[in-house]
Amino acid sequence: MKGFCDEREWNYHNAKELAIDLNIEAGELLEQFRYLEGKEIDDAFKEKKDRICDELADVLMCVCRFAELYEIDLSDAYAKKIKESKAKYPVEKFKGLKKKYNEV
């Protein structure tokens, strides 16, 4: 991402702008499924797969740029989050449940 942004002199990226961009791009991904239920969601994915992939890539680009600028090791952050989530949501208590940790 650094080379891509440097070539274009996109030096305006900061935490606030990237957080905004991330939410906008996530919203564009969500828009592909708006008002759909059940089988319609699967059908929309099949029909709009290229568009959905583009939006998902935009989200990933925002995440990667943020991590790059603020020296966040995404592999470490992900591993830490998985470890915390395993502790917060043990299999024996949460298997098959759609509840938050504070609802059980």
PDB file of N, CA and C in Angstrom:
ATOM      1  N   MET A   1       0.819  -1.194   0.000  1.00  0.00           N
ATOM      2  CA  MET A   1       0.000   0.000   0.000  1.00  0.00           C
ATOM      3  C   MET A   1       0.864   1.259   0.000  1.00  0.00           C
ATOM      4  N   LYS A   2       1.991   1.212   0.699  1.00  0.00           N
ATOM      5  CA  LYS A   2       2.828   2.408   0.803  1.00  0.00           C
ATOM      6  C   LYS A   2       3.252   2.906  -0.567  1.00  0.00           C
ATOM      7  N   GLY A   3       3.748   2.015  -1.405  1.00  0.00           N
ATOM      8  CA  GLY A   3       4.181   2.414  -2.737  1.00  0.00           C
ATOM      9  C   GLY A   3       3.037   2.971  -3.561  1.00  0.00           C
ATOM     10  N   PHE A   4       1.910   2.326  -3.509  1.00  0.00           N
ATOM     11  CA  PHE A   4       0.714   2.762  -4.233  1.00  0.00           C
ATOM     12  C   PHE A   4       0.329   4.176  -3.805  1.00  0.00           C
ATOM     13  N   CYS A   5       0.293   4.418  -2.500  1.00  0.00           N
ATOM     14  CA  CYS A   5      -0.096   5.733  -1.984  1.00  0.00           C
ATOM     15  C   CYS A   5       0.993   6.778  -2.231  1.00  0.00           C
ATOM     16  N   ASP A   6       2.251   6.403  -2.062  1.00  0.00           N
ATOM     17  CA  ASP A   6       3.361   7.341  -2.294  1.00  0.00           C
ATOM     18  C   ASP A   6       3.390   7.819  -3.735  1.00  0.00           C
ATOM     19  N   GLU A   7       3.181   6.913  -4.682  1.00  0.00           N
ATOM     20  CA  GLU A   7       3.186   7.292  -6.099  1.00  0.00           C
ATOM     21  C   GLU A   7       2.129   8.355  -6.402  1.00  0.00           C
ATOM     22  N   ARG A   8       1.054   8.330  -5.690  1.00  0.00           N
ATOM     23  CA  ARG A   8      -0.055   9.250  -5.927  1.00  0.00           C
ATOM     24  C   ARG A   8      -0.013  10.461  -4.986  1.00  0.00           C
ATOM     25  N   GLU A   9       1.026  10.497  -4.136  1.00  0.00           N
ATOM     26  CA  GLU A   9       1.180  11.556  -3.139  1.00  0.00           C
ATOM     27  C   GLU A   9      -0.062  11.688  -2.268  1.00  0.00           C
ATOM     28  N   TRP A  10      -0.576  10.544  -1.857  1.00  0.00           N
ATOM     29  CA  TRP A  10      -1.721  10.496  -0.947  1.00  0.00           C
ATOM     30  C   TRP A  10      -1.177  10.528   0.479  1.00  0.00           C
ATOM     31  N   ASN A  11      -0.747  11.687   0.904  1.00  0.00           N
ATOM     32  CA  ASN A  11      -0.143  11.833   2.229  1.00  0.00           C
ATOM     33  C   ASN A  11      -1.133  12.375   3.252  1.00  0.00           C
ATOM     34  N   TYR A  12      -2.394  12.392   2.915  1.00  0.00           N
ATOM     35  CA  TYR A  12      -3.429  12.897   3.823  1.00  0.00           C
ATOM     36  C   TYR A  12      -4.004  11.812   4.736  1.00  0.00           C
ATOM     37  N   HIS A  13      -3.578  10.573   4.550  1.00  0.00           N
ATOM     38  CA  HIS A  13      -4.122   9.503   5.387  1.00  0.00           C
ATOM     39  C   HIS A  13      -3.691   9.672   6.837  1.00  0.00           C
ATOM     40  N   ASN A  14      -4.650   9.565   7.719  1.00  0.00           N
ATOM     41  CA  ASN A  14      -4.390   9.558   9.155  1.00  0.00           C
ATOM     42  C   ASN A  14      -5.431   8.643   9.787  1.00  0.00           C
ATOM     43  N   ALA A  15      -5.327   8.439  11.079  1.00  0.00           N
ATOM     44  CA  ALA A  15      -6.218   7.485  11.749  1.00  0.00           C
ATOM     45  C   ALA A  15      -7.688   7.837  11.537  1.00  0.00           C
ATOM     46  N   LYS A  16      -8.024   9.106  11.667  1.00  0.00           N
ATOM     47  CA  LYS A  16      -9.422   9.525  11.508  1.00  0.00           C
ATOM     48  C   LYS A  16      -9.925   9.272  10.094  1.00  0.00           C
ATOM     49  N   GLU A  17      -9.164   9.720   9.100  1.00  0.00           N
ATOM     50  CA  GLU A  17      -9.591   9.556   7.702  1.00  0.00           C
ATOM     51  C   GLU A  17      -9.706   8.082   7.322  1.00  0.00           C
ATOM     52  N   LEU A  18      -8.774   7.279   7.789  1.00  0.00           N
ATOM     53  CA  LEU A  18      -8.813   5.853   7.466  1.00  0.00           C
ATOM     54  C   LEU A  18      -9.963   5.150   8.177  1.00  0.00           C
ATOM     55  N   ALA A  19     -10.266   5.557   9.410  1.00  0.00           N
ATOM     56  CA  ALA A  19     -11.415   4.977  10.120  1.00  0.00           C
ATOM     57  C   ALA A  19     -12.712   5.339   9.398  1.00  0.00           C
ATOM     58  N   ILE A  20     -12.803   6.571   8.917  1.00  0.00           N
ATOM     59  CA  ILE A  20     -13.979   6.985   8.141  1.00  0.00           C
ATOM     60  C   ILE A  20     -14.062   6.170   6.858  1.00  0.00           C
ATOM     61  N   ASP A  21     -12.948   6.083   6.130  1.00  0.00           N
ATOM     62  CA  ASP A  21     -12.923   5.310   4.879  1.00  0.00           C
ATOM     63  C   ASP A  21     -13.326   3.860   5.115  1.00  0.00           C
ATOM     64  N   LEU A  22     -12.832   3.288   6.188  1.00  0.00           N
ATOM     65  CA  LEU A  22     -13.143   1.896   6.513  1.00  0.00           C
ATOM     66  C   LEU A  22     -14.648   1.713   6.703  1.00  0.00           C
ATOM     67  N   ASN A  23     -15.267   2.626   7.407  1.00  0.00           N
ATOM     68  CA  ASN A  23     -16.712   2.542   7.623  1.00  0.00           C
ATOM     69  C   ASN A  23     -17.495   2.746   6.339  1.00  0.00           C
ATOM     70  N   ILE A  24     -17.052   3.653   5.501  1.00  0.00           N
ATOM     71  CA  ILE A  24     -17.727   3.881   4.216  1.00  0.00           C
ATOM     72  C   ILE A  24     -17.640   2.629   3.353  1.00  0.00           C
ATOM     73  N   GLU A  25     -16.446   2.064   3.253  1.00  0.00           N
ATOM     74  CA  GLU A  25     -16.262   0.869   2.425  1.00  0.00           C
ATOM     75  C   GLU A  25     -17.036  -0.318   2.995  1.00  0.00           C
ATOM     76  N   ALA A  26     -17.053  -0.469   4.319  1.00  0.00           N
ATOM     77  CA  ALA A  26     -17.835  -1.547   4.940  1.00  0.00           C
ATOM     78  C   ALA A  26     -19.323  -1.338   4.653  1.00  0.00           C
ATOM     79  N   GLY A  27     -19.760  -0.095   4.657  1.00  0.00           N
ATOM     80  CA  GLY A  27     -21.149   0.213   4.331  1.00  0.00           C
ATOM     81  C   GLY A  27     -21.485  -0.154   2.894  1.00  0.00           C
ATOM     82  N   GLU A  28     -20.555   0.070   1.984  1.00  0.00           N
ATOM     83  CA  GLU A  28     -20.774  -0.296   0.587  1.00  0.00           C
ATOM     84  C   GLU A  28     -20.853  -1.811   0.421  1.00  0.00           C
ATOM     85  N   LEU A  29     -20.108  -2.538   1.229  1.00  0.00           N
ATOM     86  CA  LEU A  29     -20.213  -3.996   1.247  1.00  0.00           C
ATOM     87  C   LEU A  29     -21.583  -4.408   1.776  1.00  0.00           C
ATOM     88  N   LEU A  30     -21.983  -3.827   2.875  1.00  0.00           N
ATOM     89  CA  LEU A  30     -23.274  -4.136   3.485  1.00  0.00           C
ATOM     90  C   LEU A  30     -24.437  -3.809   2.549  1.00  0.00           C
ATOM     91  N   GLU A  31     -24.287  -2.750   1.791  1.00  0.00           N
ATOM     92  CA  GLU A  31     -25.334  -2.328   0.858  1.00  0.00           C
ATOM     93  C   GLU A  31     -25.706  -3.428  -0.141  1.00  0.00           C
ATOM     94  N   GLN A  32     -24.758  -4.278  -0.462  1.00  0.00           N
ATOM     95  CA  GLN A  32     -25.021  -5.355  -1.427  1.00  0.00           C
ATOM     96  C   GLN A  32     -26.050  -6.360  -0.901  1.00  0.00           C
ATOM     97  N   PHE A  33     -26.278  -6.359   0.399  1.00  0.00           N
ATOM     98  CA  PHE A  33     -27.191  -7.320   1.016  1.00  0.00           C
ATOM     99  C   PHE A  33     -28.415  -6.657   1.655  1.00  0.00           C
ATOM    100  N   ARG A  34     -28.531  -5.369   1.477  1.00  0.00           N
ATOM    101  CA  ARG A  34     -29.612  -4.622   2.124  1.00  0.00           C
ATOM    102  C   ARG A  34     -30.978  -5.147   1.712  1.00  0.00           C
ATOM    103  N   TYR A  35     -31.825  -5.320   2.692  1.00  0.00           N
ATOM    104  CA  TYR A  35     -33.214  -5.775   2.544  1.00  0.00           C
ATOM    105  C   TYR A  35     -33.352  -7.232   2.109  1.00  0.00           C
ATOM    106  N   LEU A  36     -32.282  -7.973   2.095  1.00  0.00           N
ATOM    107  CA  LEU A  36     -32.350  -9.371   1.668  1.00  0.00           C
ATOM    108  C   LEU A  36     -32.470 -10.288   2.874  1.00  0.00           C
ATOM    109  N   GLU A  37     -33.127 -11.413   2.683  1.00  0.00           N
ATOM    110  CA  GLU A  37     -33.305 -12.414   3.734  1.00  0.00           C
ATOM    111  C   GLU A  37     -33.044 -13.801   3.161  1.00  0.00           C
ATOM    112  N   GLY A  38     -32.604 -14.708   4.032  1.00  0.00           N
ATOM    113  CA  GLY A  38     -32.476 -16.117   3.680  1.00  0.00           C
ATOM    114  C   GLY A  38     -31.772 -16.387   2.361  1.00  0.00           C
ATOM    115  N   LYS A  39     -32.458 -17.088   1.472  1.00  0.00           N
ATOM    116  CA  LYS A  39     -31.888 -17.504   0.193  1.00  0.00           C
ATOM    117  C   LYS A  39     -31.511 -16.317  -0.697  1.00  0.00           C
ATOM    118  N   GLU A  40     -32.192 -15.198  -0.508  1.00  0.00           N
ATOM    119  CA  GLU A  40     -31.871 -13.997  -1.294  1.00  0.00           C
ATOM    120  C   GLU A  40     -30.422 -13.559  -1.083  1.00  0.00           C
ATOM    121  N   ILE A  41     -29.925 -13.778   0.125  1.00  0.00           N
ATOM    122  CA  ILE A  41     -28.540 -13.402   0.428  1.00  0.00           C
ATOM    123  C   ILE A  41     -27.574 -14.243  -0.396  1.00  0.00           C
ATOM    124  N   ASP A  42     -27.804 -15.553  -0.436  1.00  0.00           N
ATOM    125  CA  ASP A  42     -26.955 -16.438  -1.240  1.00  0.00           C
ATOM    126  C   ASP A  42     -27.061 -16.101  -2.723  1.00  0.00           C
ATOM    127  N   ASP A  43     -28.271 -15.819  -3.179  1.00  0.00           N
ATOM    128  CA  ASP A  43     -28.473 -15.461  -4.586  1.00  0.00           C
ATOM    129  C   ASP A  43     -27.755 -14.161  -4.930  1.00  0.00           C
ATOM    130  N   ALA A  44     -27.832 -13.186  -4.029  1.00  0.00           N
ATOM    131  CA  ALA A  44     -27.164 -11.902  -4.264  1.00  0.00           C
ATOM    132  C   ALA A  44     -25.659 -12.096  -4.359  1.00  0.00           C
ATOM    133  N   PHE A  45     -25.129 -12.970  -3.507  1.00  0.00           N
ATOM    134  CA  PHE A  45     -23.690 -13.210  -3.572  1.00  0.00           C
ATOM    135  C   PHE A  45     -23.299 -13.768  -4.931  1.00  0.00           C
ATOM    136  N   LYS A  46     -24.074 -14.716  -5.416  1.00  0.00           N
ATOM    137  CA  LYS A  46     -23.777 -15.301  -6.726  1.00  0.00           C
ATOM    138  C   LYS A  46     -23.872 -14.259  -7.835  1.00  0.00           C
ATOM    139  N   GLU A  47     -24.893 -13.427  -7.762  1.00  0.00           N
ATOM    140  CA  GLU A  47     -25.126 -12.422  -8.804  1.00  0.00           C
ATOM    141  C   GLU A  47     -24.134 -11.264  -8.738  1.00  0.00           C
ATOM    142  N   LYS A  48     -23.703 -10.920  -7.548  1.00  0.00           N
ATOM    143  CA  LYS A  48     -22.881  -9.730  -7.342  1.00  0.00           C
ATOM    144  C   LYS A  48     -21.492 -10.059  -6.827  1.00  0.00           C
ATOM    145  N   LYS A  49     -21.032 -11.260  -7.059  1.00  0.00           N
ATOM    146  CA  LYS A  49     -19.762 -11.685  -6.463  1.00  0.00           C
ATOM    147  C   LYS A  49     -18.612 -10.731  -6.785  1.00  0.00           C
ATOM    148  N   ASP A  50     -18.497 -10.298  -8.023  1.00  0.00           N
ATOM    149  CA  ASP A  50     -17.402  -9.397  -8.380  1.00  0.00           C
ATOM    150  C   ASP A  50     -17.482  -8.088  -7.599  1.00  0.00           C
ATOM    151  N   ARG A  51     -18.673  -7.532  -7.505  1.00  0.00           N
ATOM    152  CA  ARG A  51     -18.879  -6.275  -6.770  1.00  0.00           C
ATOM    153  C   ARG A  51     -18.568  -6.478  -5.279  1.00  0.00           C
ATOM    154  N   ILE A  52     -19.031  -7.584  -4.722  1.00  0.00           N
ATOM    155  CA  ILE A  52     -18.794  -7.880  -3.312  1.00  0.00           C
ATOM    156  C   ILE A  52     -17.297  -8.052  -3.056  1.00  0.00           C
ATOM    157  N   CYS A  53     -16.617  -8.736  -3.944  1.00  0.00           N
ATOM    158  CA  CYS A  53     -15.165  -8.907  -3.805  1.00  0.00           C
ATOM    159  C   CYS A  53     -14.444  -7.559  -3.855  1.00  0.00           C
ATOM    160  N   ASP A  54     -14.889  -6.674  -4.753  1.00  0.00           N
ATOM    161  CA  ASP A  54     -14.300  -5.334  -4.839  1.00  0.00           C
ATOM    162  C   ASP A  54     -14.478  -4.573  -3.532  1.00  0.00           C
ATOM    163  N   GLU A  55     -15.675  -4.630  -2.982  1.00  0.00           N
ATOM    164  CA  GLU A  55     -15.940  -3.910  -1.734  1.00  0.00           C
ATOM    165  C   GLU A  55     -15.142  -4.501  -0.575  1.00  0.00           C
ATOM    166  N   LEU A  56     -15.055  -5.803  -0.537  1.00  0.00           N
ATOM    167  CA  LEU A  56     -14.267  -6.458   0.506  1.00  0.00           C
ATOM    168  C   LEU A  56     -12.786  -6.087   0.375  1.00  0.00           C
ATOM    169  N   ALA A  57     -12.295  -6.008  -0.849  1.00  0.00           N
ATOM    170  CA  ALA A  57     -10.904  -5.591  -1.079  1.00  0.00           C
ATOM    171  C   ALA A  57     -10.688  -4.151  -0.630  1.00  0.00           C
ATOM    172  N   ASP A  58     -11.676  -3.280  -0.856  1.00  0.00           N
ATOM    173  CA  ASP A  58     -11.569  -1.896  -0.386  1.00  0.00           C
ATOM    174  C   ASP A  58     -11.448  -1.844   1.137  1.00  0.00           C
ATOM    175  N   VAL A  59     -12.232  -2.664   1.828  1.00  0.00           N
ATOM    176  CA  VAL A  59     -12.148  -2.743   3.289  1.00  0.00           C
ATOM    177  C   VAL A  59     -10.741  -3.191   3.695  1.00  0.00           C
ATOM    178  N   LEU A  60     -10.252  -4.217   3.043  1.00  0.00           N
ATOM    179  CA  LEU A  60      -8.926  -4.736   3.359  1.00  0.00           C
ATOM    180  C   LEU A  60      -7.844  -3.690   3.099  1.00  0.00           C
ATOM    181  N   MET A  61      -7.979  -2.944   2.024  1.00  0.00           N
ATOM    182  CA  MET A  61      -6.994  -1.895   1.727  1.00  0.00           C
ATOM    183  C   MET A  61      -6.962  -0.841   2.837  1.00  0.00           C
ATOM    184  N   CYS A  62      -8.122  -0.467   3.346  1.00  0.00           N
ATOM    185  CA  CYS A  62      -8.179   0.507   4.446  1.00  0.00           C
ATOM    186  C   CYS A  62      -7.507  -0.054   5.699  1.00  0.00           C
ATOM    187  N   VAL A  63      -7.790  -1.294   6.004  1.00  0.00           N
ATOM    188  CA  VAL A  63      -7.199  -1.933   7.183  1.00  0.00           C
ATOM    189  C   VAL A  63      -5.674  -2.001   7.031  1.00  0.00           C
ATOM    190  N   CYS A  64      -5.221  -2.424   5.873  1.00  0.00           N
ATOM    191  CA  CYS A  64      -3.771  -2.560   5.640  1.00  0.00           C
ATOM    192  C   CYS A  64      -3.066  -1.207   5.689  1.00  0.00           C
ATOM    193  N   ARG A  65      -3.674  -0.187   5.101  1.00  0.00           N
ATOM    194  CA  ARG A  65      -3.065   1.146   5.124  1.00  0.00           C
ATOM    195  C   ARG A  65      -2.976   1.671   6.559  1.00  0.00           C
ATOM    196  N   PHE A  66      -4.024   1.483   7.319  1.00  0.00           N
ATOM    197  CA  PHE A  66      -4.033   1.904   8.722  1.00  0.00           C
ATOM    198  C   PHE A  66      -2.905   1.203   9.479  1.00  0.00           C
ATOM    199  N   ALA A  67      -2.837  -0.106   9.329  1.00  0.00           N
ATOM    200  CA  ALA A  67      -1.806  -0.891  10.021  1.00  0.00           C
ATOM    201  C   ALA A  67      -0.409  -0.460   9.600  1.00  0.00           C
ATOM    202  N   GLU A  68      -0.252  -0.193   8.325  1.00  0.00           N
ATOM    203  CA  GLU A  68       1.047   0.221   7.807  1.00  0.00           C
ATOM    204  C   GLU A  68       1.482   1.563   8.409  1.00  0.00           C
ATOM    205  N   LEU A  69       0.593   2.531   8.401  1.00  0.00           N
ATOM    206  CA  LEU A  69       0.945   3.862   8.895  1.00  0.00           C
ATOM    207  C   LEU A  69       1.216   3.893  10.395  1.00  0.00           C
ATOM    208  N   TYR A  70       0.520   3.039  11.125  1.00  0.00           N
ATOM    209  CA  TYR A  70       0.632   3.064  12.581  1.00  0.00           C
ATOM    210  C   TYR A  70       1.396   1.867  13.132  1.00  0.00           C
ATOM    211  N   GLU A  71       2.140   1.207  12.264  1.00  0.00           N
ATOM    212  CA  GLU A  71       3.042   0.111  12.632  1.00  0.00           C
ATOM    213  C   GLU A  71       2.347  -0.939  13.498  1.00  0.00           C
ATOM    214  N   ILE A  72       1.206  -1.389  13.004  1.00  0.00           N
ATOM    215  CA  ILE A  72       0.450  -2.443  13.673  1.00  0.00           C
ATOM    216  C   ILE A  72       0.705  -3.742  12.929  1.00  0.00           C
ATOM    217  N   ASP A  73       1.201  -4.728  13.627  1.00  0.00           N
ATOM    218  CA  ASP A  73       1.410  -6.045  13.031  1.00  0.00           C
ATOM    219  C   ASP A  73       0.073  -6.780  13.064  1.00  0.00           C
ATOM    220  N   LEU A  74      -0.566  -6.881  11.915  1.00  0.00           N
ATOM    221  CA  LEU A  74      -1.901  -7.475  11.859  1.00  0.00           C
ATOM    222  C   LEU A  74      -1.900  -8.951  12.257  1.00  0.00           C
ATOM    223  N   SER A  75      -0.831  -9.656  11.964  1.00  0.00           N
ATOM    224  CA  SER A  75      -0.758 -11.063  12.374  1.00  0.00           C
ATOM    225  C   SER A  75      -0.765 -11.175  13.887  1.00  0.00           C
ATOM    226  N   ASP A  76       0.011 -10.325  14.547  1.00  0.00           N
ATOM    227  CA  ASP A  76       0.042 -10.331  16.012  1.00  0.00           C
ATOM    228  C   ASP A  76      -1.300  -9.889  16.593  1.00  0.00           C
ATOM    229  N   ALA A  77      -1.875  -8.820  16.020  1.00  0.00           N
ATOM    230  CA  ALA A  77      -3.156  -8.311  16.517  1.00  0.00           C
ATOM    231  C   ALA A  77      -4.250  -9.364  16.367  1.00  0.00           C
ATOM    232  N   TYR A  78      -4.233 -10.066  15.233  1.00  0.00           N
ATOM    233  CA  TYR A  78      -5.226 -11.110  14.983  1.00  0.00           C
ATOM    234  C   TYR A  78      -5.064 -12.272  15.965  1.00  0.00           C
ATOM    235  N   ALA A  79      -3.835 -12.711  16.141  1.00  0.00           N
ATOM    236  CA  ALA A  79      -3.567 -13.817  17.072  1.00  0.00           C
ATOM    237  C   ALA A  79      -3.990 -13.448  18.490  1.00  0.00           C
ATOM    238  N   LYS A  80      -3.699 -12.225  18.910  1.00  0.00           N
ATOM    239  CA  LYS A  80      -4.094 -11.760  20.245  1.00  0.00           C
ATOM    240  C   LYS A  80      -5.612 -11.738  20.373  1.00  0.00           C
ATOM    241  N   LYS A  81      -6.294 -11.245  19.346  1.00  0.00           N
ATOM    242  CA  LYS A  81      -7.756 -11.159  19.389  1.00  0.00           C
ATOM    243  C   LYS A  81      -8.400 -12.540  19.429  1.00  0.00           C
ATOM    244  N   ILE A  82      -7.876 -13.477  18.669  1.00  0.00           N
ATOM    245  CA  ILE A  82      -8.401 -14.853  18.687  1.00  0.00           C
ATOM    246  C   ILE A  82      -8.227 -15.456  20.085  1.00  0.00           C
ATOM    247  N   LYS A  83      -7.061 -15.240  20.685  1.00  0.00           N
ATOM    248  CA  LYS A  83      -6.804 -15.760  22.038  1.00  0.00           C
ATOM    249  C   LYS A  83      -7.800 -15.168  23.035  1.00  0.00           C
ATOM    250  N   GLU A  84      -8.021 -13.859  22.960  1.00  0.00           N
ATOM    251  CA  GLU A  84      -8.982 -13.200  23.854  1.00  0.00           C
ATOM    252  C   GLU A  84     -10.403 -13.710  23.611  1.00  0.00           C
ATOM    253  N   SER A  85     -10.757 -13.883  22.356  1.00  0.00           N
ATOM    254  CA  SER A  85     -12.110 -14.359  22.016  1.00  0.00           C
ATOM    255  C   SER A  85     -12.337 -15.789  22.479  1.00  0.00           C
ATOM    256  N   LYS A  86     -11.318 -16.619  22.400  1.00  0.00           N
ATOM    257  CA  LYS A  86     -11.443 -17.997  22.900  1.00  0.00           C
ATOM    258  C   LYS A  86     -11.704 -17.999  24.398  1.00  0.00           C
ATOM    259  N   ALA A  87     -11.049 -17.110  25.117  1.00  0.00           N
ATOM    260  CA  ALA A  87     -11.270 -17.022  26.560  1.00  0.00           C
ATOM    261  C   ALA A  87     -12.660 -16.464  26.875  1.00  0.00           C
ATOM    262  N   LYS A  88     -13.089 -15.501  26.086  1.00  0.00           N
ATOM    263  CA  LYS A  88     -14.377 -14.851  26.303  1.00  0.00           C
ATOM    264  C   LYS A  88     -15.548 -15.736  25.875  1.00  0.00           C
ATOM    265  N   TYR A  89     -15.321 -16.558  24.853  1.00  0.00           N
ATOM    266  CA  TYR A  89     -16.367 -17.413  24.291  1.00  0.00           C
ATOM    267  C   TYR A  89     -15.933 -18.875  24.270  1.00  0.00           C
ATOM    268  N   PRO A  90     -15.816 -19.514  25.438  1.00  0.00           N
ATOM    269  CA  PRO A  90     -15.398 -20.918  25.455  1.00  0.00           C
ATOM    270  C   PRO A  90     -16.420 -21.801  24.734  1.00  0.00           C
ATOM    271  N   VAL A  91     -15.921 -22.782  24.006  1.00  0.00           N
ATOM    272  CA  VAL A  91     -16.764 -23.661  23.204  1.00  0.00           C
ATOM    273  C   VAL A  91     -17.861 -24.306  24.032  1.00  0.00           C
ATOM    274  N   GLU A  92     -17.503 -24.773  25.212  1.00  0.00           N
ATOM    275  CA  GLU A  92     -18.485 -25.497  26.031  1.00  0.00           C
ATOM    276  C   GLU A  92     -19.671 -24.622  26.449  1.00  0.00           C
ATOM    277  N   LYS A  93     -19.508 -23.302  26.462  1.00  0.00           N
ATOM    278  CA  LYS A  93     -20.616 -22.405  26.828  1.00  0.00           C
ATOM    279  C   LYS A  93     -21.312 -21.777  25.621  1.00  0.00           C
ATOM    280  N   PHE A  94     -20.601 -21.630  24.514  1.00  0.00           N
ATOM    281  CA  PHE A  94     -21.127 -20.832  23.417  1.00  0.00           C
ATOM    282  C   PHE A  94     -21.363 -21.578  22.110  1.00  0.00           C
ATOM    283  N   LYS A  95     -21.102 -22.847  22.086  1.00  0.00           N
ATOM    284  CA  LYS A  95     -21.272 -23.595  20.839  1.00  0.00           C
ATOM    285  C   LYS A  95     -22.724 -23.488  20.365  1.00  0.00           C
ATOM    286  N   GLY A  96     -22.896 -22.944  19.176  1.00  0.00           N
ATOM    287  CA  GLY A  96     -24.222 -22.817  18.577  1.00  0.00           C
ATOM    288  C   GLY A  96     -25.049 -21.645  19.079  1.00  0.00           C
ATOM    289  N   LEU A  97     -24.549 -20.863  20.012  1.00  0.00           N
ATOM    290  CA  LEU A  97     -25.306 -19.732  20.568  1.00  0.00           C
ATOM    291  C   LEU A  97     -25.008 -18.440  19.818  1.00  0.00           C
ATOM    292  N   LYS A  98     -26.016 -17.627  19.649  1.00  0.00           N
ATOM    293  CA  LYS A  98     -25.854 -16.299  19.057  1.00  0.00           C
ATOM    294  C   LYS A  98     -26.028 -15.266  20.162  1.00  0.00           C
ATOM    295  N   LYS A  99     -25.129 -15.288  21.106  1.00  0.00           N
ATOM    296  CA  LYS A  99     -25.199 -14.361  22.246  1.00  0.00           C
ATOM    297  C   LYS A  99     -23.824 -13.797  22.541  1.00  0.00           C
ATOM    298  N   LYS A 100     -23.820 -12.616  23.134  1.00  0.00           N
ATOM    299  CA  LYS A 100     -22.577 -12.016  23.570  1.00  0.00           C
ATOM    300  C   LYS A 100     -22.172 -12.633  24.901  1.00  0.00           C
ATOM    301  N   TYR A 101     -20.906 -12.483  25.227  1.00  0.00           N
ATOM    302  CA  TYR A 101     -20.359 -13.053  26.446  1.00  0.00           C
ATOM    303  C   TYR A 101     -21.106 -12.584  27.700  1.00  0.00           C
ATOM    304  N   ASN A 102     -21.624 -11.366  27.689  1.00  0.00           N
ATOM    305  CA  ASN A 102     -22.314 -10.849  28.865  1.00  0.00           C
ATOM    306  C   ASN A 102     -23.800 -11.194  28.910  1.00  0.00           C
ATOM    307  N   GLU A 103     -24.252 -11.995  27.946  1.00  0.00           N
ATOM    308  CA  GLU A 103     -25.652 -12.407  27.898  1.00  0.00           C
ATOM    309  C   GLU A 103     -25.851 -13.852  28.355  1.00  0.00           C
ATOM    310  N   VAL A 104     -24.781 -14.531  28.674  1.00  0.00           N
ATOM    311  CA  VAL A 104     -24.866 -15.944  29.076  1.00  0.00           C
ATOM    312  C   VAL A 104     -24.552 -16.080  30.547  1.00  0.00           C
TER     313      VAL A 104
END
